[in-house]
Structures are given as structure tokens and as C-alpha cells.
PDB file of all heavy atoms in Angstrom:
ATOM      1  N   GLY A   1     -21.016   9.381   7.738  1.00  0.00           N
ATOM      2  CA  GLY A   1     -19.802  10.179   7.843  1.00  0.00           C
ATOM      3  C   GLY A   1     -19.012   9.856   9.096  1.00  0.00           C
ATOM      4  O   GLY A   1     -17.777   9.771   9.067  1.00  0.00           O
ATOM      5  N   LYS A   2     -19.706   9.664  10.197  1.00  0.00           N
ATOM      6  CA  LYS A   2     -19.044   9.365  11.471  1.00  0.00           C
ATOM      7  C   LYS A   2     -18.364   8.000  11.415  1.00  0.00           C
ATOM      8  O   LYS A   2     -17.228   7.829  11.870  1.00  0.00           O
ATOM      9  CB  LYS A   2     -20.077   9.403  12.596  1.00  0.00           C
ATOM     10  CG  LYS A   2     -19.498   9.528  13.985  1.00  0.00           C
ATOM     11  CD  LYS A   2     -20.619   9.747  15.000  1.00  0.00           C
ATOM     12  CE  LYS A   2     -20.062   9.932  16.402  1.00  0.00           C
ATOM     13  NZ  LYS A   2     -21.144  10.155  17.389  1.00  0.00           N
ATOM     14  N   ILE A   3     -19.048   7.019  10.854  1.00  0.00           N
ATOM     15  CA  ILE A   3     -18.487   5.668  10.769  1.00  0.00           C
ATOM     16  C   ILE A   3     -17.234   5.657   9.913  1.00  0.00           C
ATOM     17  O   ILE A   3     -16.202   5.070  10.277  1.00  0.00           O
ATOM     18  CB  ILE A   3     -19.540   4.695  10.213  1.00  0.00           C
ATOM     19  CG1 ILE A   3     -20.633   4.435  11.259  1.00  0.00           C
ATOM     20  CG2 ILE A   3     -18.904   3.370   9.782  1.00  0.00           C
ATOM     21  CD1 ILE A   3     -21.796   3.620  10.752  1.00  0.00           C
ATOM     22  N   ARG A   4     -17.282   6.312   8.752  1.00  0.00           N
ATOM     23  CA  ARG A   4     -16.161   6.264   7.814  1.00  0.00           C
ATOM     24  C   ARG A   4     -14.981   7.124   8.252  1.00  0.00           C
ATOM     25  O   ARG A   4     -13.860   6.923   7.793  1.00  0.00           O
ATOM     26  CB  ARG A   4     -16.633   6.669   6.422  1.00  0.00           C
ATOM     27  CG  ARG A   4     -17.595   5.670   5.805  1.00  0.00           C
ATOM     28  CD  ARG A   4     -18.030   6.077   4.408  1.00  0.00           C
ATOM     29  NE  ARG A   4     -18.950   5.104   3.843  1.00  0.00           N
ATOM     30  CZ  ARG A   4     -18.577   3.981   3.219  1.00  0.00           C
ATOM     31  NH1 ARG A   4     -17.302   3.714   3.063  1.00  0.00           N
ATOM     32  NH2 ARG A   4     -19.483   3.143   2.753  1.00  0.00           N
ATOM     33  N   SER A   5     -15.223   8.078   9.117  1.00  0.00           N
ATOM     34  CA  SER A   5     -14.140   8.960   9.546  1.00  0.00           C
ATOM     35  C   SER A   5     -13.488   8.503  10.852  1.00  0.00           C
ATOM     36  O   SER A   5     -12.495   9.097  11.279  1.00  0.00           O
ATOM     37  CB  SER A   5     -14.651  10.393   9.707  1.00  0.00           C
ATOM     38  OG  SER A   5     -15.674  10.465  10.689  1.00  0.00           O
ATOM     39  N   HIS A   6     -14.033   7.463  11.487  1.00  0.00           N
ATOM     40  CA  HIS A   6     -13.490   6.983  12.752  1.00  0.00           C
ATOM     41  C   HIS A   6     -12.830   5.609  12.602  1.00  0.00           C
ATOM     42  O   HIS A   6     -13.058   4.895  11.631  1.00  0.00           O
ATOM     43  CB  HIS A   6     -14.600   6.893  13.808  1.00  0.00           C
ATOM     44  CG  HIS A   6     -14.972   8.217  14.401  1.00  0.00           C
ATOM     45  ND1 HIS A   6     -15.685   9.166  13.705  1.00  0.00           N
ATOM     46  CD2 HIS A   6     -14.723   8.756  15.633  1.00  0.00           C
ATOM     47  CE1 HIS A   6     -15.874  10.224  14.469  1.00  0.00           C
ATOM     48  NE2 HIS A   6     -15.303   9.997  15.641  1.00  0.00           N
ATOM     49  N   GLU A   7     -12.023   5.267  13.580  1.00  0.00           N
ATOM     50  CA  GLU A   7     -11.375   3.961  13.618  1.00  0.00           C
ATOM     51  C   GLU A   7     -12.411   2.851  13.747  1.00  0.00           C
ATOM     52  O   GLU A   7     -13.547   3.068  14.170  1.00  0.00           O
ATOM     53  CB  GLU A   7     -10.413   3.891  14.803  1.00  0.00           C
ATOM     54  CG  GLU A   7      -9.208   4.802  14.691  1.00  0.00           C
ATOM     55  CD  GLU A   7      -8.327   4.715  15.930  1.00  0.00           C
ATOM     56  OE1 GLU A   7      -8.843   4.359  17.013  1.00  0.00           O
ATOM     57  OE2 GLU A   7      -7.132   5.013  15.818  1.00  0.00           O
ATOM     58  N   SER A   8     -11.969   1.645  13.416  1.00  0.00           N
ATOM     59  CA  SER A   8     -12.823   0.466  13.521  1.00  0.00           C
ATOM     60  C   SER A   8     -12.395  -0.391  14.714  1.00  0.00           C
ATOM     61  O   SER A   8     -11.413  -0.097  15.414  1.00  0.00           O
ATOM     62  CB  SER A   8     -12.729  -0.364  12.242  1.00  0.00           C
ATOM     63  OG  SER A   8     -11.483  -1.053  12.183  1.00  0.00           O
ATOM     64  N   LEU A   9     -13.140  -1.455  14.912  1.00  0.00           N
ATOM     65  CA  LEU A   9     -12.813  -2.457  15.925  1.00  0.00           C
ATOM     66  C   LEU A   9     -11.366  -2.921  15.801  1.00  0.00           C
ATOM     67  O   LEU A   9     -10.655  -3.106  16.800  1.00  0.00           O
ATOM     68  CB  LEU A   9     -13.773  -3.645  15.764  1.00  0.00           C
ATOM     69  CG  LEU A   9     -13.396  -4.961  16.437  1.00  0.00           C
ATOM     70  CD1 LEU A   9     -13.448  -4.824  17.956  1.00  0.00           C
ATOM     71  CD2 LEU A   9     -14.327  -6.075  15.975  1.00  0.00           C
ATOM     72  N   LEU A  10     -10.897  -3.110  14.569  1.00  0.00           N
ATOM     73  CA  LEU A  10      -9.548  -3.649  14.362  1.00  0.00           C
ATOM     74  C   LEU A  10      -8.481  -2.664  14.832  1.00  0.00           C
ATOM     75  O   LEU A  10      -7.426  -3.081  15.322  1.00  0.00           O
ATOM     76  CB  LEU A  10      -9.347  -3.986  12.885  1.00  0.00           C
ATOM     77  CG  LEU A  10     -10.315  -5.024  12.315  1.00  0.00           C
ATOM     78  CD1 LEU A  10      -9.970  -5.338  10.862  1.00  0.00           C
ATOM     79  CD2 LEU A  10     -10.290  -6.316  13.140  1.00  0.00           C
ATOM     80  N   HIS A  11      -8.717  -1.384  14.687  1.00  0.00           N
ATOM     81  CA  HIS A  11      -7.753  -0.394  15.171  1.00  0.00           C
ATOM     82  C   HIS A  11      -7.664  -0.423  16.696  1.00  0.00           C
ATOM     83  O   HIS A  11      -6.576  -0.252  17.266  1.00  0.00           O
ATOM     84  CB  HIS A  11      -8.154   1.006  14.691  1.00  0.00           C
ATOM     85  CG  HIS A  11      -8.080   1.178  13.210  1.00  0.00           C
ATOM     86  ND1 HIS A  11      -9.181   1.046  12.390  1.00  0.00           N
ATOM     87  CD2 HIS A  11      -7.037   1.447  12.384  1.00  0.00           C
ATOM     88  CE1 HIS A  11      -8.820   1.254  11.133  1.00  0.00           C
ATOM     89  NE2 HIS A  11      -7.530   1.487  11.096  1.00  0.00           N
ATOM     90  N   VAL A  12      -8.794  -0.631  17.347  1.00  0.00           N
ATOM     91  CA  VAL A  12      -8.789  -0.728  18.811  1.00  0.00           C
ATOM     92  C   VAL A  12      -7.980  -1.939  19.258  1.00  0.00           C
ATOM     93  O   VAL A  12      -7.140  -1.848  20.168  1.00  0.00           O
ATOM     94  CB  VAL A  12     -10.226  -0.801  19.356  1.00  0.00           C
ATOM     95  CG1 VAL A  12     -10.211  -0.944  20.885  1.00  0.00           C
ATOM     96  CG2 VAL A  12     -11.028   0.423  18.950  1.00  0.00           C
ATOM     97  N   LEU A  13      -8.206  -3.077  18.608  1.00  0.00           N
ATOM     98  CA  LEU A  13      -7.461  -4.289  18.962  1.00  0.00           C
ATOM     99  C   LEU A  13      -5.970  -4.110  18.716  1.00  0.00           C
ATOM    100  O   LEU A  13      -5.127  -4.518  19.531  1.00  0.00           O
ATOM    101  CB  LEU A  13      -7.991  -5.476  18.151  1.00  0.00           C
ATOM    102  CG  LEU A  13      -9.415  -5.932  18.482  1.00  0.00           C
ATOM    103  CD1 LEU A  13      -9.862  -7.021  17.511  1.00  0.00           C
ATOM    104  CD2 LEU A  13      -9.506  -6.440  19.919  1.00  0.00           C
ATOM    105  N   ASP A  14      -5.626  -3.504  17.606  1.00  0.00           N
ATOM    106  CA  ASP A  14      -4.215  -3.274  17.291  1.00  0.00           C
ATOM    107  C   ASP A  14      -3.568  -2.383  18.346  1.00  0.00           C
ATOM    108  O   ASP A  14      -2.421  -2.610  18.753  1.00  0.00           O
ATOM    109  CB  ASP A  14      -4.113  -2.632  15.904  1.00  0.00           C
ATOM    110  CG  ASP A  14      -2.692  -2.295  15.518  1.00  0.00           C
ATOM    111  OD1 ASP A  14      -1.905  -3.232  15.266  1.00  0.00           O
ATOM    112  OD2 ASP A  14      -2.358  -1.086  15.472  1.00  0.00           O
ATOM    113  N   ARG A  15      -4.300  -1.386  18.820  1.00  0.00           N
ATOM    114  CA  ARG A  15      -3.749  -0.452  19.796  1.00  0.00           C
ATOM    115  C   ARG A  15      -3.441  -1.125  21.120  1.00  0.00           C
ATOM    116  O   ARG A  15      -2.496  -0.732  21.817  1.00  0.00           O
ATOM    117  CB  ARG A  15      -4.722   0.714  20.001  1.00  0.00           C
ATOM    118  CG  ARG A  15      -4.094   1.900  20.711  1.00  0.00           C
ATOM    119  CD  ARG A  15      -5.124   2.965  21.076  1.00  0.00           C
ATOM    120  NE  ARG A  15      -6.028   3.225  19.976  1.00  0.00           N
ATOM    121  CZ  ARG A  15      -7.340   3.289  20.111  1.00  0.00           C
ATOM    122  NH1 ARG A  15      -7.901   3.086  21.300  1.00  0.00           N
ATOM    123  NH2 ARG A  15      -8.114   3.553  19.083  1.00  0.00           N
ATOM    124  N   VAL A  16      -4.238  -2.137  21.512  1.00  0.00           N
ATOM    125  CA  VAL A  16      -3.998  -2.797  22.805  1.00  0.00           C
ATOM    126  C   VAL A  16      -3.041  -3.979  22.681  1.00  0.00           C
ATOM    127  O   VAL A  16      -2.791  -4.679  23.665  1.00  0.00           O
ATOM    128  CB  VAL A  16      -5.325  -3.264  23.448  1.00  0.00           C
ATOM    129  CG1 VAL A  16      -6.245  -2.088  23.680  1.00  0.00           C
ATOM    130  CG2 VAL A  16      -6.007  -4.333  22.611  1.00  0.00           C
ATOM    131  N   GLY A  17      -2.510  -4.230  21.476  1.00  0.00           N
ATOM    132  CA  GLY A  17      -1.487  -5.255  21.321  1.00  0.00           C
ATOM    133  C   GLY A  17      -1.918  -6.541  20.663  1.00  0.00           C
ATOM    134  O   GLY A  17      -1.123  -7.482  20.565  1.00  0.00           O
ATOM    135  N   VAL A  18      -3.169  -6.626  20.188  1.00  0.00           N
ATOM    136  CA  VAL A  18      -3.615  -7.823  19.474  1.00  0.00           C
ATOM    137  C   VAL A  18      -3.093  -7.750  18.033  1.00  0.00           C
ATOM    138  O   VAL A  18      -3.236  -6.723  17.361  1.00  0.00           O
ATOM    139  CB  VAL A  18      -5.149  -7.934  19.478  1.00  0.00           C
ATOM    140  CG1 VAL A  18      -5.609  -9.148  18.664  1.00  0.00           C
ATOM    141  CG2 VAL A  18      -5.671  -8.019  20.904  1.00  0.00           C
ATOM    142  N   ASP A  19      -2.479  -8.819  17.566  1.00  0.00           N
ATOM    143  CA  ASP A  19      -1.950  -8.875  16.197  1.00  0.00           C
ATOM    144  C   ASP A  19      -3.119  -8.989  15.217  1.00  0.00           C
ATOM    145  O   ASP A  19      -3.958  -9.880  15.349  1.00  0.00           O
ATOM    146  CB  ASP A  19      -1.018 -10.080  16.051  1.00  0.00           C
ATOM    147  CG  ASP A  19      -0.356 -10.125  14.691  1.00  0.00           C
ATOM    148  OD1 ASP A  19       0.504  -9.282  14.423  1.00  0.00           O
ATOM    149  OD2 ASP A  19      -0.722 -11.009  13.886  1.00  0.00           O
ATOM    150  N   VAL A  20      -3.169  -8.092  14.222  1.00  0.00           N
ATOM    151  CA  VAL A  20      -4.298  -8.000  13.301  1.00  0.00           C
ATOM    152  C   VAL A  20      -3.834  -8.264  11.880  1.00  0.00           C
ATOM    153  O   VAL A  20      -2.812  -7.729  11.438  1.00  0.00           O
ATOM    154  CB  VAL A  20      -4.958  -6.602  13.372  1.00  0.00           C
ATOM    155  CG1 VAL A  20      -6.074  -6.489  12.336  1.00  0.00           C
ATOM    156  CG2 VAL A  20      -5.492  -6.322  14.770  1.00  0.00           C
ATOM    157  N   LEU A  21      -4.586  -9.091  11.156  1.00  0.00           N
ATOM    158  CA  LEU A  21      -4.337  -9.301   9.723  1.00  0.00           C
ATOM    159  C   LEU A  21      -5.674  -9.451   9.012  1.00  0.00           C
ATOM    160  O   LEU A  21      -6.533 -10.219   9.447  1.00  0.00           O
ATOM    161  CB  LEU A  21      -3.491 -10.556   9.479  1.00  0.00           C
ATOM    162  CG  LEU A  21      -3.303 -10.951   7.996  1.00  0.00           C
ATOM    163  CD1 LEU A  21      -2.566  -9.862   7.223  1.00  0.00           C
ATOM    164  CD2 LEU A  21      -2.571 -12.278   7.880  1.00  0.00           C
ATOM    165  N   TRP A  22      -5.835  -8.695   7.913  1.00  0.00           N
ATOM    166  CA  TRP A  22      -7.019  -8.817   7.052  1.00  0.00           C
ATOM    167  C   TRP A  22      -6.597  -9.553   5.784  1.00  0.00           C
ATOM    168  O   TRP A  22      -5.740  -9.093   5.049  1.00  0.00           O
ATOM    169  CB  TRP A  22      -7.577  -7.442   6.701  1.00  0.00           C
ATOM    170  CG  TRP A  22      -8.847  -7.475   5.912  1.00  0.00           C
ATOM    171  CD1 TRP A  22      -8.989  -7.829   4.602  1.00  0.00           C
ATOM    172  CD2 TRP A  22     -10.173  -7.161   6.387  1.00  0.00           C
ATOM    173  NE1 TRP A  22     -10.307  -7.765   4.219  1.00  0.00           N
ATOM    174  CE2 TRP A  22     -11.059  -7.347   5.288  1.00  0.00           C
ATOM    175  CE3 TRP A  22     -10.689  -6.735   7.596  1.00  0.00           C
ATOM    176  CZ2 TRP A  22     -12.431  -7.114   5.395  1.00  0.00           C
ATOM    177  CZ3 TRP A  22     -12.049  -6.511   7.705  1.00  0.00           C
ATOM    178  CH2 TRP A  22     -12.910  -6.698   6.614  1.00  0.00           C
ATOM    179  N   ARG A  23      -7.211 -10.708   5.538  1.00  0.00           N
ATOM    180  CA  ARG A  23      -6.921 -11.500   4.332  1.00  0.00           C
ATOM    181  C   ARG A  23      -8.164 -11.463   3.447  1.00  0.00           C
ATOM    182  O   ARG A  23      -9.242 -11.874   3.871  1.00  0.00           O
ATOM    183  CB  ARG A  23      -6.550 -12.933   4.718  1.00  0.00           C
ATOM    184  CG  ARG A  23      -6.171 -13.804   3.535  1.00  0.00           C
ATOM    185  CD  ARG A  23      -5.691 -15.168   3.997  1.00  0.00           C
ATOM    186  NE  ARG A  23      -4.389 -15.085   4.665  1.00  0.00           N
ATOM    187  CZ  ARG A  23      -3.754 -16.128   5.190  1.00  0.00           C
ATOM    188  NH1 ARG A  23      -4.306 -17.324   5.131  1.00  0.00           N
ATOM    189  NH2 ARG A  23      -2.577 -15.972   5.762  1.00  0.00           N
ATOM    190  N   ASP A  24      -8.010 -11.008   2.215  1.00  0.00           N
ATOM    191  CA  ASP A  24      -9.149 -10.608   1.396  1.00  0.00           C
ATOM    192  C   ASP A  24      -9.251 -11.401   0.095  1.00  0.00           C
ATOM    193  O   ASP A  24      -8.291 -11.505  -0.661  1.00  0.00           O
ATOM    194  CB  ASP A  24      -9.022  -9.117   1.055  1.00  0.00           C
ATOM    195  CG  ASP A  24     -10.332  -8.499   0.621  1.00  0.00           C
ATOM    196  OD1 ASP A  24     -10.633  -8.520  -0.585  1.00  0.00           O
ATOM    197  OD2 ASP A  24     -11.059  -8.002   1.496  1.00  0.00           O
ATOM    198  N   ASN A  25     -10.441 -11.962  -0.158  1.00  0.00           N
ATOM    199  CA  ASN A  25     -10.744 -12.580  -1.446  1.00  0.00           C
ATOM    200  C   ASN A  25     -11.885 -11.820  -2.112  1.00  0.00           C
ATOM    201  O   ASN A  25     -12.699 -12.397  -2.820  1.00  0.00           O
ATOM    202  CB  ASN A  25     -11.128 -14.054  -1.267  1.00  0.00           C
ATOM    203  CG  ASN A  25     -11.142 -14.807  -2.586  1.00  0.00           C
ATOM    204  OD1 ASN A  25     -10.421 -14.457  -3.519  1.00  0.00           O
ATOM    205  ND2 ASN A  25     -11.962 -15.839  -2.685  1.00  0.00           N
ATOM    206  N   GLN A  26     -11.942 -10.524  -1.852  1.00  0.00           N
ATOM    207  CA  GLN A  26     -13.021  -9.672  -2.324  1.00  0.00           C
ATOM    208  C   GLN A  26     -12.428  -8.394  -2.876  1.00  0.00           C
ATOM    209  O   GLN A  26     -11.306  -8.392  -3.377  1.00  0.00           O
ATOM    210  CB  GLN A  26     -13.982  -9.392  -1.176  1.00  0.00           C
ATOM    211  CG  GLN A  26     -15.263 -10.204  -1.259  1.00  0.00           C
ATOM    212  CD  GLN A  26     -16.274  -9.511  -2.153  1.00  0.00           C
ATOM    213  OE1 GLN A  26     -15.987  -8.549  -2.840  1.00  0.00           O
ATOM    214  NE2 GLN A  26     -17.485 -10.016  -2.124  1.00  0.00           N
ATOM    215  N   SER A  27     -13.142  -7.304  -2.725  1.00  0.00           N
ATOM    216  CA  SER A  27     -12.695  -6.022  -3.278  1.00  0.00           C
ATOM    217  C   SER A  27     -12.256  -5.063  -2.185  1.00  0.00           C
ATOM    218  O   SER A  27     -12.529  -3.873  -2.240  1.00  0.00           O
ATOM    219  CB  SER A  27     -13.823  -5.393  -4.106  1.00  0.00           C
ATOM    220  OG  SER A  27     -15.013  -5.290  -3.342  1.00  0.00           O
ATOM    221  N   GLY A  28     -11.571  -5.574  -1.157  1.00  0.00           N
ATOM    222  CA  GLY A  28     -11.014  -4.724  -0.129  1.00  0.00           C
ATOM    223  C   GLY A  28     -11.825  -4.673   1.141  1.00  0.00           C
ATOM    224  O   GLY A  28     -12.912  -5.242   1.246  1.00  0.00           O
ATOM    225  N   CYS A  29     -11.274  -3.972   2.137  1.00  0.00           N
ATOM    226  CA  CYS A  29     -11.900  -3.933   3.468  1.00  0.00           C
ATOM    227  C   CYS A  29     -12.751  -2.690   3.679  1.00  0.00           C
ATOM    228  O   CYS A  29     -13.249  -2.472   4.781  1.00  0.00           O
ATOM    229  CB  CYS A  29     -10.837  -4.046   4.552  1.00  0.00           C
ATOM    230  SG  CYS A  29      -9.732  -2.599   4.666  1.00  0.00           S
ATOM    231  N   LYS A  30     -12.919  -1.853   2.641  1.00  0.00           N
ATOM    232  CA  LYS A  30     -13.795  -0.672   2.699  1.00  0.00           C
ATOM    233  C   LYS A  30     -13.402   0.283   3.829  1.00  0.00           C
ATOM    234  O   LYS A  30     -14.248   0.916   4.451  1.00  0.00           O
ATOM    235  CB  LYS A  30     -15.266  -1.085   2.880  1.00  0.00           C
ATOM    236  CG  LYS A  30     -15.718  -2.202   1.944  1.00  0.00           C
ATOM    237  CD  LYS A  30     -15.487  -1.878   0.486  1.00  0.00           C
ATOM    238  CE  LYS A  30     -15.932  -3.007  -0.422  1.00  0.00           C
ATOM    239  NZ  LYS A  30     -15.565  -2.787  -1.836  1.00  0.00           N
ATOM    240  N   GLY A  31     -12.097   0.381   4.079  1.00  0.00           N
ATOM    241  CA  GLY A  31     -11.599   1.302   5.089  1.00  0.00           C
ATOM    242  C   GLY A  31     -11.509   0.730   6.484  1.00  0.00           C
ATOM    243  O   GLY A  31     -10.910   1.347   7.363  1.00  0.00           O
ATOM    244  N   VAL A  32     -12.068  -0.458   6.693  1.00  0.00           N
ATOM    245  CA  VAL A  32     -12.083  -1.058   8.032  1.00  0.00           C
ATOM    246  C   VAL A  32     -10.668  -1.361   8.520  1.00  0.00           C
ATOM    247  O   VAL A  32     -10.369  -1.233   9.714  1.00  0.00           O
ATOM    248  CB  VAL A  32     -12.942  -2.344   8.025  1.00  0.00           C
ATOM    249  CG1 VAL A  32     -12.785  -3.110   9.321  1.00  0.00           C
ATOM    250  CG2 VAL A  32     -14.395  -1.996   7.789  1.00  0.00           C
ATOM    251  N   CYS A  33      -9.772  -1.759   7.619  1.00  0.00           N
ATOM    252  CA  CYS A  33      -8.411  -2.135   8.008  1.00  0.00           C
ATOM    253  C   CYS A  33      -7.391  -1.099   7.558  1.00  0.00           C
ATOM    254  O   CYS A  33      -6.207  -1.414   7.406  1.00  0.00           O
ATOM    255  CB  CYS A  33      -8.054  -3.506   7.439  1.00  0.00           C
ATOM    256  SG  CYS A  33      -8.031  -3.565   5.616  1.00  0.00           S
ATOM    257  N   ARG A  34      -7.831   0.112   7.304  1.00  0.00           N
ATOM    258  CA  ARG A  34      -6.936   1.166   6.809  1.00  0.00           C
ATOM    259  C   ARG A  34      -5.730   1.334   7.730  1.00  0.00           C
ATOM    260  O   ARG A  34      -5.856   1.525   8.931  1.00  0.00           O
ATOM    261  CB  ARG A  34      -7.710   2.471   6.713  1.00  0.00           C
ATOM    262  CG  ARG A  34      -6.903   3.657   6.230  1.00  0.00           C
ATOM    263  CD  ARG A  34      -7.829   4.848   6.078  1.00  0.00           C
ATOM    264  NE  ARG A  34      -7.134   6.109   6.167  1.00  0.00           N
ATOM    265  CZ  ARG A  34      -7.730   7.275   6.243  1.00  0.00           C
ATOM    266  NH1 ARG A  34      -9.057   7.342   6.252  1.00  0.00           N
ATOM    267  NH2 ARG A  34      -7.032   8.398   6.314  1.00  0.00           N
ATOM    268  N   GLY A  35      -4.524   1.222   7.153  1.00  0.00           N
ATOM    269  CA  GLY A  35      -3.294   1.369   7.915  1.00  0.00           C
ATOM    270  C   GLY A  35      -2.856   0.124   8.648  1.00  0.00           C
ATOM    271  O   GLY A  35      -1.811   0.131   9.316  1.00  0.00           O
ATOM    272  N   LEU A  36      -3.622  -0.966   8.536  1.00  0.00           N
ATOM    273  CA  LEU A  36      -3.302  -2.223   9.218  1.00  0.00           C
ATOM    274  C   LEU A  36      -2.845  -3.262   8.201  1.00  0.00           C
ATOM    275  O   LEU A  36      -3.068  -3.114   6.997  1.00  0.00           O
ATOM    276  CB  LEU A  36      -4.529  -2.727   9.978  1.00  0.00           C
ATOM    277  CG  LEU A  36      -5.070  -1.795  11.068  1.00  0.00           C
ATOM    278  CD1 LEU A  36      -6.378  -2.334  11.633  1.00  0.00           C
ATOM    279  CD2 LEU A  36      -4.038  -1.621  12.187  1.00  0.00           C
TER     280      LEU A  36
END
């Protein structure tokens, strides 16, 4: 519950100004890139 309800590594990077892109050949990022 804690993992799924909190931001991921990618949200932290995005917040400090690192450009983030998730490119997917699967069935999604499972919430890891939510909003990115």
C-alpha cells in the first residue's frame, strides 16, 4: 500500500529538473510513471 500510494524515483527526478520519458513495449508502467 505504501509503495503504490507514494511517488517513484521518476517523480523525484522530474521534480529536480531531469527530463523523464517512459517508452513502453509492455503493458504499462504499473503506476511508476503516473502523470509523467
